[in-house]
């Protein structure tokens, strides 16, 4: 996937993510060889001396022209016949879920943790670091960055910060891991590779999916997330998720 950049101000509701450009297959048109042969034949058969020319010209001449042009036609039509193997193309996309493979100048690179999640600190906090068992309050915005970059939710729009007990299994593992290393006031970007989505985020089983948070509060946000998790025609890299989270407070 080629994921688009988000600015740190996204948590404040001011940034946007752009979906990766769609690939367009090049159109190839074979030249009208048959039409050219017909035009040549018609030119010979027109005019007052057409009868004499037909007698002088060997009947097999058009056939020899067609034979001579056949290799050219085959070469031009080859791209239409020799199409790439879709299965092979999928296996060759080894960096589709890694935004580090397509960073723009000035973008902050991700650092991969042992779990496979990738983090980028957009702003260092100055407050305390939470401890396991403490309740933390975070603002967050999420995107289906591997597929059309649809917004899942923004707490700036819902005015509903997400609170959970750190290390108690109340949040998706990627949130637990990210927040445990933050300070209050910090902003961290999380990229969850599509191939690790179920391990680090939400279950593919709809009945278990929202046993952990954050849970999208809007119908549109939940539909966007459910679509990429439930659609079996998508590839793993299409399930890559991206979150910006801000650690707002630690409750006593």
Protein backbone atom coordinates (compact mmCIF):
# COMPACT_ATOMS: atom_id res chain seq x y z
CA UNK A 1 0.00 0.00 0.00
CA UNK A 2 1.14 2.94 -0.59
CA UNK A 3 -0.33 5.03 2.39
CA UNK A 4 -0.74 8.73 2.22
CA UNK A 5 0.81 11.10 4.71
CA UNK A 6 -1.18 12.54 7.58
CA UNK A 7 -0.10 15.62 9.48
CA UNK A 8 0.03 15.74 13.25
CA UNK A 9 -2.77 18.25 13.26
CA UNK A 10 -5.15 15.52 12.05
CA UNK A 11 -6.03 14.81 15.63
CA UNK A 12 -7.28 18.37 15.73
CA UNK A 13 -9.47 17.65 12.74
CA UNK A 14 -7.54 19.66 10.17
CA UNK A 15 -5.60 17.13 8.08
CA UNK A 16 -6.58 14.72 5.37
CA UNK A 17 -5.28 11.55 3.91
CA UNK A 18 -5.21 10.90 0.20
CA UNK A 19 -5.93 7.56 -1.27
CA UNK A 20 -3.14 6.12 -3.37
CA UNK A 21 -3.64 6.78 -7.09
CA UNK A 22 -5.39 4.04 -8.94
CA UNK A 23 -3.40 2.20 -11.50
CA UNK A 24 -4.60 2.43 -15.07
CA UNK A 25 -3.98 -0.29 -17.57
CA UNK A 26 -2.54 1.01 -20.81
CA UNK A 27 -4.84 0.51 -23.78
CA UNK A 28 -3.31 -1.13 -26.82
CA UNK A 29 -4.99 -1.06 -30.22
CA UNK A 30 -3.88 -3.28 -33.06
CA UNK A 31 -3.46 -1.45 -36.38
CA UNK A 32 -6.11 -2.04 -38.97
CA UNK A 33 -3.94 -4.32 -41.11
CA UNK A 34 -6.90 -5.92 -42.84
CA UNK A 35 -8.32 -2.49 -43.72
CA UNK A 36 -4.98 -1.47 -45.20
CA UNK A 37 -4.87 -4.56 -47.38
CA UNK A 38 -8.39 -3.90 -48.58
CA UNK A 39 -7.51 -0.28 -49.42
CA UNK A 40 -4.48 -1.45 -51.45
CA UNK A 41 -6.60 -3.97 -53.33
CA UNK A 42 -9.32 -1.40 -54.06
CA UNK A 43 -6.73 1.01 -55.45
CA UNK A 44 -5.57 -1.65 -57.91
CA UNK A 45 -9.11 -2.52 -58.91
CA UNK A 46 -10.25 1.06 -59.59
CA UNK A 47 -9.82 3.08 -62.79
CA UNK A 48 -10.18 2.31 -66.48
CA UNK A 49 -7.21 -0.06 -66.54
CA UNK A 50 -8.33 -2.13 -63.59
CA UNK A 51 -9.01 -5.16 -65.78
CA UNK A 52 -5.49 -5.16 -67.26
CA UNK A 53 -3.90 -4.67 -63.79
CA UNK A 54 -5.86 -7.56 -62.36
CA UNK A 55 -4.61 -9.76 -65.18
CA UNK A 56 -1.00 -8.64 -64.70
CA UNK A 57 -0.97 -8.88 -60.93
CA UNK A 58 -0.57 -12.43 -59.60
CA UNK A 59 -3.58 -13.62 -57.69
CA UNK A 60 -1.38 -14.68 -54.76
CA UNK A 61 0.13 -11.19 -54.16
CA UNK A 62 -2.32 -10.09 -51.41
CA UNK A 63 -1.68 -13.37 -49.60
CA UNK A 64 2.09 -12.75 -49.68
CA UNK A 65 1.57 -9.26 -48.22
CA UNK A 66 -0.56 -10.67 -45.45
CA UNK A 67 2.10 -13.27 -44.66
CA UNK A 68 4.81 -10.60 -44.61
CA UNK A 69 2.82 -8.43 -42.20
CA UNK A 70 1.76 -11.27 -39.92
CA UNK A 71 4.83 -11.04 -37.62
CA UNK A 72 4.27 -7.30 -37.19
CA UNK A 73 0.65 -7.88 -36.25
CA UNK A 74 1.63 -10.63 -33.81
CA UNK A 75 4.14 -8.34 -32.07
CA UNK A 76 1.62 -5.53 -31.74
CA UNK A 77 -1.08 -7.83 -30.42
CA UNK A 78 1.22 -9.60 -27.94
CA UNK A 79 0.44 -7.23 -25.02
CA UNK A 80 -3.24 -8.11 -25.39
CA UNK A 81 -2.54 -11.81 -25.16
CA UNK A 82 0.33 -12.03 -22.67
CA UNK A 83 -1.37 -10.67 -19.57
CA UNK A 84 0.41 -10.78 -16.18
CA UNK A 85 -0.46 -13.58 -13.80
CA UNK A 86 -2.60 -11.98 -11.02
CA UNK A 87 -1.45 -14.50 -8.43
CA UNK A 88 2.19 -13.73 -9.14
CA UNK A 89 1.55 -9.99 -9.04
CA UNK A 90 -0.02 -10.30 -5.59
CA UNK A 91 2.93 -12.19 -4.14
CA UNK A 92 5.37 -9.61 -5.51
CA UNK A 93 3.68 -6.76 -3.61
CA UNK A 94 5.85 -7.13 -0.51
CA UNK A 95 5.86 -3.45 0.54
CA UNK A 96 2.23 -2.50 -0.15
CA UNK A 97 1.36 -2.18 3.56
CA UNK A 98 4.54 -0.29 4.54
CA UNK A 99 4.36 3.49 4.23
CA UNK A 100 8.14 3.71 4.66
CA UNK A 101 8.43 2.45 1.08
CA UNK A 102 6.75 5.59 -0.30
CA UNK A 103 7.68 8.47 1.99
CA UNK A 104 7.62 11.98 0.58
CA UNK A 105 10.40 14.46 1.42
CA UNK A 106 9.94 15.63 5.00
CA UNK A 107 7.74 12.71 6.08
CA UNK A 108 8.63 11.13 9.41
CA UNK A 109 9.51 7.44 8.99
CA UNK A 110 7.92 4.69 11.03
CA UNK A 111 9.86 2.56 13.50
CA UNK A 112 8.75 -1.06 13.62
CA UNK A 113 8.23 -2.61 17.04
CA UNK A 114 8.85 -6.30 17.82
CA UNK A 115 5.10 -6.96 17.46
CA UNK A 116 5.16 -5.77 13.85
CA UNK A 117 3.28 -2.52 14.49
CA UNK A 118 4.90 0.64 13.19
CA UNK A 119 5.04 3.88 15.17
CA UNK A 120 6.03 7.47 14.38
CA UNK A 121 6.07 10.10 17.12
CA UNK A 122 4.67 13.29 15.63
CA UNK A 123 4.96 15.17 18.89
CA UNK A 124 6.72 14.23 22.09
CA UNK A 125 4.66 14.60 25.25
CA UNK A 126 5.88 16.37 28.34
CA UNK A 127 3.67 14.76 30.97
CA UNK A 128 3.76 11.48 32.81
CA UNK A 129 4.02 8.02 31.26
CA UNK A 130 1.09 5.72 32.12
CA UNK A 131 1.60 2.51 34.03
CA UNK A 132 -0.23 -0.81 33.53
CA UNK A 133 -3.59 -0.77 35.28
CA UNK A 134 -4.04 2.99 34.98
CA UNK A 135 -6.91 4.41 32.94
CA UNK A 136 -5.81 6.53 30.01
CA UNK A 137 -7.81 8.95 27.88
CA UNK A 138 -6.93 9.33 24.20
CA UNK A 139 -8.15 11.31 21.22
CA UNK A 140 -7.88 9.39 17.97
CA UNK A 141 -8.55 9.44 14.26
CA UNK A 142 -8.37 6.33 12.09
CA UNK A 143 -8.31 5.45 8.40
CA UNK A 144 -8.54 2.36 6.23
CA UNK A 145 -5.25 3.43 4.67
CA UNK A 146 -4.82 0.24 2.64
CA UNK A 147 -8.12 0.66 0.80
CA UNK A 148 -9.40 4.04 -0.42
CA UNK A 149 -8.20 5.78 2.78
CA UNK A 150 -11.71 6.06 4.20
CA UNK A 151 -12.04 7.71 7.58
CA UNK A 152 -13.15 5.38 10.35
CA UNK A 153 -13.68 8.03 12.99
CA UNK A 154 -12.34 11.20 14.59
CA UNK A 155 -12.99 11.96 18.24
CA UNK A 156 -12.78 15.65 17.39
CA UNK A 157 -15.99 15.17 15.41
CA UNK A 158 -17.77 12.84 17.83
CA UNK A 159 -16.55 14.65 20.98
CA UNK A 160 -16.12 11.23 22.58
CA UNK A 161 -12.53 10.56 23.75
CA UNK A 162 -11.67 6.92 24.26
CA UNK A 163 -10.79 5.78 27.80
CA UNK A 164 -9.41 2.34 28.64
CA UNK A 165 -7.39 0.58 31.30
CA UNK A 166 -3.85 0.08 30.09
CA UNK A 167 -2.77 -3.55 29.77
CA UNK A 168 -6.18 -4.98 30.67
CA UNK A 169 -7.16 -6.12 27.18
CA UNK A 170 -9.80 -3.43 26.77
CA UNK A 171 -8.16 -1.87 23.71
CA UNK A 172 -6.75 -3.34 20.54
CA UNK A 173 -3.14 -4.53 21.13
CA UNK A 174 -1.64 -1.80 18.92
CA UNK A 175 -3.25 0.90 21.10
CA UNK A 176 -2.06 -0.75 24.31
CA UNK A 177 1.50 -0.99 23.00
CA UNK A 178 1.59 2.53 21.60
CA UNK A 179 0.18 4.30 24.66
CA UNK A 180 2.39 2.41 27.11
CA UNK A 181 5.43 4.21 25.66
CA UNK A 182 3.92 7.71 25.42
CA UNK A 183 3.82 10.75 27.68
CA UNK A 184 0.76 12.85 28.28
CA UNK A 185 0.41 15.43 25.50
CA UNK A 186 2.22 13.31 22.94
CA UNK A 187 0.88 12.37 19.52
CA UNK A 188 1.80 9.07 17.94
CA UNK A 189 0.96 7.65 14.54
CA UNK A 190 0.28 3.92 14.33
CA UNK A 191 0.40 1.84 11.15
CA UNK A 192 -1.01 -1.66 11.45
CA UNK A 193 0.09 -3.81 8.48
CA UNK A 194 -2.81 -5.57 6.82
CA UNK A 195 -1.21 -8.99 7.24
CA UNK A 196 -1.07 -8.39 11.03
CA UNK A 197 -4.44 -6.64 11.35
CA UNK A 198 -6.19 -9.44 13.25
CA UNK A 199 -3.24 -9.89 15.61
CA UNK A 200 -2.80 -6.19 16.38
CA UNK A 201 -6.33 -4.82 15.93
CA UNK A 202 -9.80 -6.23 15.32
CA UNK A 203 -11.12 -9.77 14.96
CA UNK A 204 -12.35 -11.00 11.59
CA UNK A 205 -15.26 -12.57 13.46
CA UNK A 206 -18.00 -9.89 13.47
CA UNK A 207 -19.44 -11.21 16.74
CA UNK A 208 -16.09 -10.66 18.52
CA UNK A 209 -14.80 -7.64 16.63
CA UNK A 210 -15.89 -4.88 18.98
CA UNK A 211 -15.19 -6.70 22.23
CA UNK A 212 -12.22 -4.31 22.33
CA UNK A 213 -11.97 -0.64 21.48
CA UNK A 214 -11.91 1.84 20.13
CA UNK A 215 -15.35 1.20 18.68
CA UNK A 216 -16.50 3.57 15.90
CA UNK A 217 -19.49 5.58 17.12
CA UNK A 218 -20.80 6.52 13.68
CA UNK A 219 -22.55 4.16 11.29
CA UNK A 220 -20.42 5.33 8.36
CA UNK A 221 -17.18 4.73 10.26
CA UNK A 222 -18.20 1.25 11.33
CA UNK A 223 -19.23 0.38 7.78
CA UNK A 224 -15.88 1.55 6.42
CA UNK A 225 -13.97 -0.63 8.89
CA UNK A 226 -16.27 -3.63 8.54
CA UNK A 227 -15.98 -3.51 4.76
CA UNK A 228 -12.20 -3.96 4.65
CA UNK A 229 -12.29 -6.67 7.34
CA UNK A 230 -15.18 -8.67 5.89
CA UNK A 231 -14.54 -8.36 2.14
CA UNK A 232 -12.87 -11.61 1.07
CA UNK A 233 -11.92 -10.27 -2.35
CA UNK A 234 -9.41 -7.83 -0.82
CA UNK A 235 -5.74 -8.65 -0.34
CA UNK A 236 -4.01 -8.51 3.04
CA UNK A 237 -2.34 -5.18 2.31
CA UNK A 238 -5.80 -3.67 1.67
CA UNK A 239 -6.55 -4.17 5.39
CA UNK A 240 -3.76 -1.87 6.54
CA UNK A 241 -5.06 0.59 9.16
CA UNK A 242 -3.63 3.94 10.26
CA UNK A 243 -4.34 5.81 13.50
CA UNK A 244 -3.19 9.08 15.03
CA UNK A 245 -3.62 9.08 18.81
CA UNK A 246 -3.05 11.79 21.41
CA UNK A 247 -2.60 10.84 25.04
CA UNK A 248 -4.76 13.44 26.74
CA UNK A 249 -4.80 12.35 30.36
CA UNK A 250 -4.12 9.65 32.92
CA UNK A 251 -6.93 9.14 35.40
CA UNK A 252 -6.04 8.51 39.00
